[in-house]
Amino acid sequence: MFARLAVSPPKPPYPESAARAEVEATVDVLVDIDARGEVGRIEIARWAGYGLDQSVLDTVKQMHFFPAMRNRVAIPMRVLLRYNFRKPPPRGNEVSTTCVRGWTHRSTGR
């Protein structure tokens, strides 16, 4: 038995406070899903701080699941969702590669 998302999972935004501190962390949440597939209680099992927890909470509250089924009857369920936050690449220093007529040009954005 499992509940699955009705649409592709939304990605929580990486907060500016976490970006300033260059934080990389994992946030785990336990989510109760009712028999209609609606998100009920949300409990953070692994905290990260820097606004990452709130970002996950806000994102999970918007989710909708297909309910878990047992003997063709929808049942409530609790699931563990894990979000791994990695610091985004520095701005203005992105690396892009272009290939023109067999030659490769690498630009650093500077």
Foldseek 3Di string as FASTA:
>chain_A
DDKAFPDPQDAFDDDPQCLVVQDKDKWKKKWKAALQQATDDIDIPDDDDSCPVVSVVVRNNPTGINADDDPNGGGIDIDMDMDTDGHDDDPQQDWDWDADPNDIDIDRND
